[in-house]
PDB file of N, CA and C in Angstrom:
ATOM      1  N   UNK A   1       0.846  -1.181   0.000  1.00  0.00           N
ATOM      2  CA  UNK A   1       0.000   0.000   0.000  1.00  0.00           C
ATOM      3  C   UNK A   1       0.886   1.237   0.000  1.00  0.00           C
ATOM      4  N   UNK A   2       0.665   2.115  -0.925  1.00  0.00           N
ATOM      5  CA  UNK A   2       1.428   3.354  -0.999  1.00  0.00           C
ATOM      6  C   UNK A   2       0.831   4.390  -0.070  1.00  0.00           C
ATOM      7  N   UNK A   3       1.679   5.275   0.418  1.00  0.00           N
ATOM      8  CA  UNK A   3       1.171   6.382   1.226  1.00  0.00           C
ATOM      9  C   UNK A   3       1.877   7.658   0.804  1.00  0.00           C
ATOM     10  N   UNK A   4       1.212   8.749   1.021  1.00  0.00           N
ATOM     11  CA  UNK A   4       1.775  10.053   0.702  1.00  0.00           C
ATOM     12  C   UNK A   4       1.262  11.024   1.752  1.00  0.00           C
ATOM     13  N   UNK A   5       2.083  11.973   2.136  1.00  0.00           N
ATOM     14  CA  UNK A   5       1.629  12.961   3.116  1.00  0.00           C
ATOM     15  C   UNK A   5       1.731  14.346   2.508  1.00  0.00           C
ATOM     16  N   UNK A   6       0.810  15.197   2.884  1.00  0.00           N
ATOM     17  CA  UNK A   6       0.750  16.559   2.386  1.00  0.00           C
ATOM     18  C   UNK A   6       1.016  17.504   3.544  1.00  0.00           C
ATOM     19  N   UNK A   7       1.876  18.474   3.340  1.00  0.00           N
ATOM     20  CA  UNK A   7       2.219  19.414   4.401  1.00  0.00           C
ATOM     21  C   UNK A   7       1.796  20.826   4.011  1.00  0.00           C
ATOM     22  N   UNK A   8       1.861  21.722   4.979  1.00  0.00           N
ATOM     23  CA  UNK A   8       1.529  23.114   4.716  1.00  0.00           C
ATOM     24  C   UNK A   8       0.036  23.286   4.521  1.00  0.00           C
ATOM     25  N   UNK A   9      -0.348  24.077   3.522  1.00  0.00           N
ATOM     26  CA  UNK A   9      -1.764  24.336   3.271  1.00  0.00           C
ATOM     27  C   UNK A   9      -2.477  23.148   2.634  1.00  0.00           C
ATOM     28  N   UNK A  10      -1.739  22.104   2.256  1.00  0.00           N
ATOM     29  CA  UNK A  10      -2.346  20.943   1.608  1.00  0.00           C
ATOM     30  C   UNK A  10      -2.628  19.802   2.575  1.00  0.00           C
ATOM     31  N   UNK A  11      -2.519  20.035   3.882  1.00  0.00           N
ATOM     32  CA  UNK A  11      -2.775  18.942   4.817  1.00  0.00           C
ATOM     33  C   UNK A  11      -4.274  18.680   4.924  1.00  0.00           C
ATOM     34  N   UNK A  12      -4.627  17.501   5.364  1.00  0.00           N
ATOM     35  CA  UNK A  12      -6.036  17.150   5.500  1.00  0.00           C
ATOM     36  C   UNK A  12      -6.339  15.883   4.722  1.00  0.00           C
ATOM     37  N   UNK A  13      -7.589  15.702   4.386  1.00  0.00           N
ATOM     38  CA  UNK A  13      -8.029  14.513   3.663  1.00  0.00           C
ATOM     39  C   UNK A  13      -8.074  14.808   2.170  1.00  0.00           C
ATOM     40  N   UNK A  14      -7.391  13.979   1.395  1.00  0.00           N
ATOM     41  CA  UNK A  14      -7.425  14.127  -0.054  1.00  0.00           C
ATOM     42  C   UNK A  14      -7.671  12.744  -0.655  1.00  0.00           C
ATOM     43  N   UNK A  15      -8.713  12.636  -1.477  1.00  0.00           N
ATOM     44  CA  UNK A  15      -9.077  11.353  -2.071  1.00  0.00           C
ATOM     45  C   UNK A  15      -9.141  11.514  -3.579  1.00  0.00           C
ATOM     46  N   UNK A  16      -8.472  10.629  -4.293  1.00  0.00           N
ATOM     47  CA  UNK A  16      -8.520  10.663  -5.744  1.00  0.00           C
ATOM     48  C   UNK A  16      -9.655   9.803  -6.279  1.00  0.00           C
ATOM     49  N   UNK A  17      -9.709   8.522  -5.883  1.00  0.00           N
ATOM     50  CA  UNK A  17     -10.743   7.594  -6.344  1.00  0.00           C
ATOM     51  C   UNK A  17     -11.054   6.666  -5.182  1.00  0.00           C
ATOM     52  N   UNK A  18     -12.335   6.550  -4.814  1.00  0.00           N
ATOM     53  CA  UNK A  18     -12.710   5.734  -3.673  1.00  0.00           C
ATOM     54  C   UNK A  18     -13.909   4.880  -4.040  1.00  0.00           C
ATOM     55  N   UNK A  19     -13.818   3.595  -3.745  1.00  0.00           N
ATOM     56  CA  UNK A  19     -14.963   2.716  -4.005  1.00  0.00           C
ATOM     57  C   UNK A  19     -15.471   2.096  -2.707  1.00  0.00           C
ATOM     58  N   UNK A  20     -15.080   2.651  -1.573  1.00  0.00           N
ATOM     59  CA  UNK A  20     -15.525   2.131  -0.272  1.00  0.00           C
ATOM     60  C   UNK A  20     -15.850   3.271   0.668  1.00  0.00           C
ATOM     61  N   UNK A  21     -15.940   2.947   1.933  1.00  0.00           N
ATOM     62  CA  UNK A  21     -16.252   3.978   2.926  1.00  0.00           C
ATOM     63  C   UNK A  21     -14.958   4.602   3.456  1.00  0.00           C
ATOM     64  N   UNK A  22     -15.077   5.819   3.930  1.00  0.00           N
ATOM     65  CA  UNK A  22     -13.931   6.550   4.470  1.00  0.00           C
ATOM     66  C   UNK A  22     -14.280   6.993   5.883  1.00  0.00           C
ATOM     67  N   UNK A  23     -13.391   6.729   6.810  1.00  0.00           N
ATOM     68  CA  UNK A  23     -13.553   7.165   8.190  1.00  0.00           C
ATOM     69  C   UNK A  23     -12.356   8.051   8.526  1.00  0.00           C
ATOM     70  N   UNK A  24     -12.611   9.316   8.752  1.00  0.00           N
ATOM     71  CA  UNK A  24     -11.535  10.282   8.974  1.00  0.00           C
ATOM     72  C   UNK A  24     -11.658  10.864  10.371  1.00  0.00           C
ATOM     73  N   UNK A  25     -10.531  10.982  11.068  1.00  0.00           N
ATOM     74  CA  UNK A  25     -10.504  11.622  12.378  1.00  0.00           C
ATOM     75  C   UNK A  25      -9.424  12.696  12.359  1.00  0.00           C
ATOM     76  N   UNK A  26      -9.820  13.920  12.641  1.00  0.00           N
ATOM     77  CA  UNK A  26      -8.872  15.019  12.741  1.00  0.00           C
ATOM     78  C   UNK A  26      -8.678  15.328  14.215  1.00  0.00           C
ATOM     79  N   UNK A  27      -7.458  15.286  14.687  1.00  0.00           N
ATOM     80  CA  UNK A  27      -7.148  15.562  16.088  1.00  0.00           C
ATOM     81  C   UNK A  27      -6.517  16.947  16.174  1.00  0.00           C
ATOM     82  N   UNK A  28      -7.317  17.916  16.579  1.00  0.00           N
ATOM     83  CA  UNK A  28      -6.833  19.287  16.680  1.00  0.00           C
ATOM     84  C   UNK A  28      -6.017  19.454  17.951  1.00  0.00           C
ATOM     85  N   UNK A  29      -5.037  20.344  17.938  1.00  0.00           N
ATOM     86  CA  UNK A  29      -4.245  20.566  19.152  1.00  0.00           C
ATOM     87  C   UNK A  29      -5.114  21.206  20.234  1.00  0.00           C
ATOM     88  N   UNK A  30      -4.797  20.961  21.502  1.00  0.00           N
ATOM     89  CA  UNK A  30      -5.594  21.568  22.572  1.00  0.00           C
ATOM     90  C   UNK A  30      -5.420  23.081  22.590  1.00  0.00           C
ATOM     91  N   UNK A  31      -6.401  23.771  23.179  1.00  0.00           N
ATOM     92  CA  UNK A  31      -6.305  25.227  23.282  1.00  0.00           C
ATOM     93  C   UNK A  31      -5.126  25.601  24.163  1.00  0.00           C
ATOM     94  N   UNK A  32      -4.446  26.669  23.767  1.00  0.00           N
ATOM     95  CA  UNK A  32      -3.310  27.128  24.560  1.00  0.00           C
ATOM     96  C   UNK A  32      -3.812  27.851  25.802  1.00  0.00           C
ATOM     97  N   UNK A  33      -3.102  27.688  26.921  1.00  0.00           N
ATOM     98  CA  UNK A  33      -3.488  28.444  28.116  1.00  0.00           C
ATOM     99  C   UNK A  33      -3.153  29.915  27.931  1.00  0.00           C
ATOM    100  N   UNK A  34      -3.643  30.742  28.850  1.00  0.00           N
ATOM    101  CA  UNK A  34      -3.341  32.167  28.773  1.00  0.00           C
ATOM    102  C   UNK A  34      -1.826  32.362  28.763  1.00  0.00           C
ATOM    103  N   UNK A  35      -1.373  33.384  28.074  1.00  0.00           N
ATOM    104  CA  UNK A  35       0.061  33.621  27.955  1.00  0.00           C
ATOM    105  C   UNK A  35       0.416  34.925  28.641  1.00  0.00           C
ATOM    106  N   UNK A  36       1.283  34.976  29.560  1.00  0.00           N
ATOM    107  CA  UNK A  36       1.860  33.853  30.309  1.00  0.00           C
ATOM    108  C   UNK A  36       0.892  33.404  31.395  1.00  0.00           C
ATOM    109  N   UNK A  37       0.998  32.163  31.852  1.00  0.00           N
ATOM    110  CA  UNK A  37       0.107  31.708  32.907  1.00  0.00           C
ATOM    111  C   UNK A  37       0.404  32.426  34.222  1.00  0.00           C
ATOM    112  N   UNK A  38      -0.587  32.503  35.066  1.00  0.00           N
ATOM    113  CA  UNK A  38      -0.404  33.144  36.366  1.00  0.00           C
ATOM    114  C   UNK A  38       0.565  32.319  37.210  1.00  0.00           C
ATOM    115  N   UNK A  39       1.385  32.977  38.014  1.00  0.00           N
ATOM    116  CA  UNK A  39       2.326  32.219  38.850  1.00  0.00           C
ATOM    117  C   UNK A  39       1.578  31.390  39.891  1.00  0.00           C
ATOM    118  N   UNK A  40       2.138  30.239  40.198  1.00  0.00           N
ATOM    119  CA  UNK A  40       1.527  29.384  41.203  1.00  0.00           C
ATOM    120  C   UNK A  40       1.862  29.866  42.607  1.00  0.00           C
ATOM    121  N   UNK A  41       3.026  30.469  42.763  1.00  0.00           N
ATOM    122  CA  UNK A  41       3.424  30.995  44.063  1.00  0.00           C
ATOM    123  C   UNK A  41       4.478  32.069  43.844  1.00  0.00           C
ATOM    124  N   UNK A  42       4.739  32.819  44.874  1.00  0.00           N
ATOM    125  CA  UNK A  42       5.790  33.830  44.814  1.00  0.00           C
ATOM    126  C   UNK A  42       6.771  33.586  45.948  1.00  0.00           C
ATOM    127  N   UNK A  43       8.018  33.916  45.702  1.00  0.00           N
ATOM    128  CA  UNK A  43       9.058  33.759  46.714  1.00  0.00           C
ATOM    129  C   UNK A  43       9.510  35.152  47.118  1.00  0.00           C
ATOM    130  N   UNK A  44       9.311  35.527  48.376  1.00  0.00           N
ATOM    131  CA  UNK A  44       9.730  36.867  48.798  1.00  0.00           C
ATOM    132  C   UNK A  44      11.247  36.939  48.956  1.00  0.00           C
ATOM    133  N   UNK A  45      11.827  38.006  48.450  1.00  0.00           N
ATOM    134  CA  UNK A  45      13.256  38.244  48.605  1.00  0.00           C
ATOM    135  C   UNK A  45      13.446  39.537  49.373  1.00  0.00           C
ATOM    136  N   UNK A  46      14.394  39.539  50.270  1.00  0.00           N
ATOM    137  CA  UNK A  46      14.719  40.780  50.972  1.00  0.00           C
ATOM    138  C   UNK A  46      15.672  41.584  50.110  1.00  0.00           C
ATOM    139  N   UNK A  47      15.707  42.881  50.322  1.00  0.00           N
ATOM    140  CA  UNK A  47      16.608  43.742  49.560  1.00  0.00           C
ATOM    141  C   UNK A  47      18.053  43.430  49.921  1.00  0.00           C
ATOM    142  N   UNK A  48      18.916  43.521  48.923  1.00  0.00           N
ATOM    143  CA  UNK A  48      20.342  43.271  49.129  1.00  0.00           C
ATOM    144  C   UNK A  48      20.980  44.523  49.724  1.00  0.00           C
ATOM    145  N   UNK A  49      21.487  44.448  50.958  1.00  0.00           N
ATOM    146  CA  UNK A  49      22.085  45.638  51.565  1.00  0.00           C
ATOM    147  C   UNK A  49      23.376  46.066  50.870  1.00  0.00           C
ATOM    148  N   UNK A  50      24.003  45.169  50.109  1.00  0.00           N
ATOM    149  CA  UNK A  50      25.258  45.492  49.422  1.00  0.00           C
ATOM    150  C   UNK A  50      25.045  45.936  47.977  1.00  0.00           C
ATOM    151  N   UNK A  51      23.794  46.088  47.567  1.00  0.00           N
ATOM    152  CA  UNK A  51      23.493  46.479  46.190  1.00  0.00           C
ATOM    153  C   UNK A  51      24.006  47.886  45.910  1.00  0.00           C
ATOM    154  N   UNK A  52      24.693  48.038  44.768  1.00  0.00           N
ATOM    155  CA  UNK A  52      25.230  49.338  44.365  1.00  0.00           C
ATOM    156  C   UNK A  52      24.462  49.788  43.123  1.00  0.00           C
ATOM    157  N   UNK A  53      23.799  50.939  43.229  1.00  0.00           N
ATOM    158  CA  UNK A  53      23.046  51.466  42.089  1.00  0.00           C
ATOM    159  C   UNK A  53      24.024  52.028  41.060  1.00  0.00           C
ATOM    160  N   UNK A  54      23.787  51.743  39.810  1.00  0.00           N
ATOM    161  CA  UNK A  54      24.669  52.205  38.739  1.00  0.00           C
ATOM    162  C   UNK A  54      23.834  52.914  37.681  1.00  0.00           C
ATOM    163  N   UNK A  55      23.093  53.921  38.117  1.00  0.00           N
ATOM    164  CA  UNK A  55      22.183  54.622  37.209  1.00  0.00           C
ATOM    165  C   UNK A  55      22.920  55.321  36.075  1.00  0.00           C
ATOM    166  N   UNK A  56      24.094  55.896  36.356  1.00  0.00           N
ATOM    167  CA  UNK A  56      24.853  56.580  35.306  1.00  0.00           C
ATOM    168  C   UNK A  56      25.257  55.597  34.214  1.00  0.00           C
ATOM    169  N   UNK A  57      25.749  54.441  34.616  1.00  0.00           N
ATOM    170  CA  UNK A  57      26.150  53.422  33.646  1.00  0.00           C
ATOM    171  C   UNK A  57      24.933  52.922  32.859  1.00  0.00           C
ATOM    172  N   UNK A  58      23.816  52.702  33.543  1.00  0.00           N
ATOM    173  CA  UNK A  58      22.605  52.254  32.850  1.00  0.00           C
ATOM    174  C   UNK A  58      22.105  53.300  31.865  1.00  0.00           C
ATOM    175  N   UNK A  59      22.185  54.571  32.238  1.00  0.00           N
ATOM    176  CA  UNK A  59      21.784  55.642  31.318  1.00  0.00           C
ATOM    177  C   UNK A  59      22.644  55.627  30.062  1.00  0.00           C
ATOM    178  N   UNK A  60      23.949  55.409  30.218  1.00  0.00           N
ATOM    179  CA  UNK A  60      24.852  55.357  29.059  1.00  0.00           C
ATOM    180  C   UNK A  60      24.508  54.172  28.157  1.00  0.00           C
ATOM    181  N   UNK A  61      24.191  53.046  28.761  1.00  0.00           N
ATOM    182  CA  UNK A  61      23.837  51.860  27.969  1.00  0.00           C
ATOM    183  C   UNK A  61      22.557  52.120  27.178  1.00  0.00           C
ATOM    184  N   UNK A  62      21.562  52.720  27.821  1.00  0.00           N
ATOM    185  CA  UNK A  62      20.291  52.997  27.135  1.00  0.00           C
ATOM    186  C   UNK A  62      20.463  54.034  26.025  1.00  0.00           C
ATOM    187  N   UNK A  63      21.372  54.979  26.202  1.00  0.00           N
ATOM    188  CA  UNK A  63      21.623  55.975  25.155  1.00  0.00           C
ATOM    189  C   UNK A  63      22.236  55.335  23.922  1.00  0.00           C
ATOM    190  N   UNK A  64      23.034  54.284  24.102  1.00  0.00           N
ATOM    191  CA  UNK A  64      23.720  53.633  22.984  1.00  0.00           C
ATOM    192  C   UNK A  64      22.845  52.601  22.273  1.00  0.00           C
ATOM    193  N   UNK A  65      21.668  52.322  22.792  1.00  0.00           N
ATOM    194  CA  UNK A  65      20.778  51.329  22.149  1.00  0.00           C
ATOM    195  C   UNK A  65      20.272  51.797  20.824  1.00  0.00           C
TER     196      UNK A  65
END
């Protein structure tokens, strides 16, 4: 038995000559969940006391974008 597959816009059921019954099942992909999904939980972080703000450097980087 020969087989051929069609891709792109030609996918689906294609019949050239049929002398019997045809039973076709199309399995569509499930619906996508909302994008992005809501977080299941959050992890609280305390502020880093050693954090050094570098606003001047960040401003220079944004100017060069």
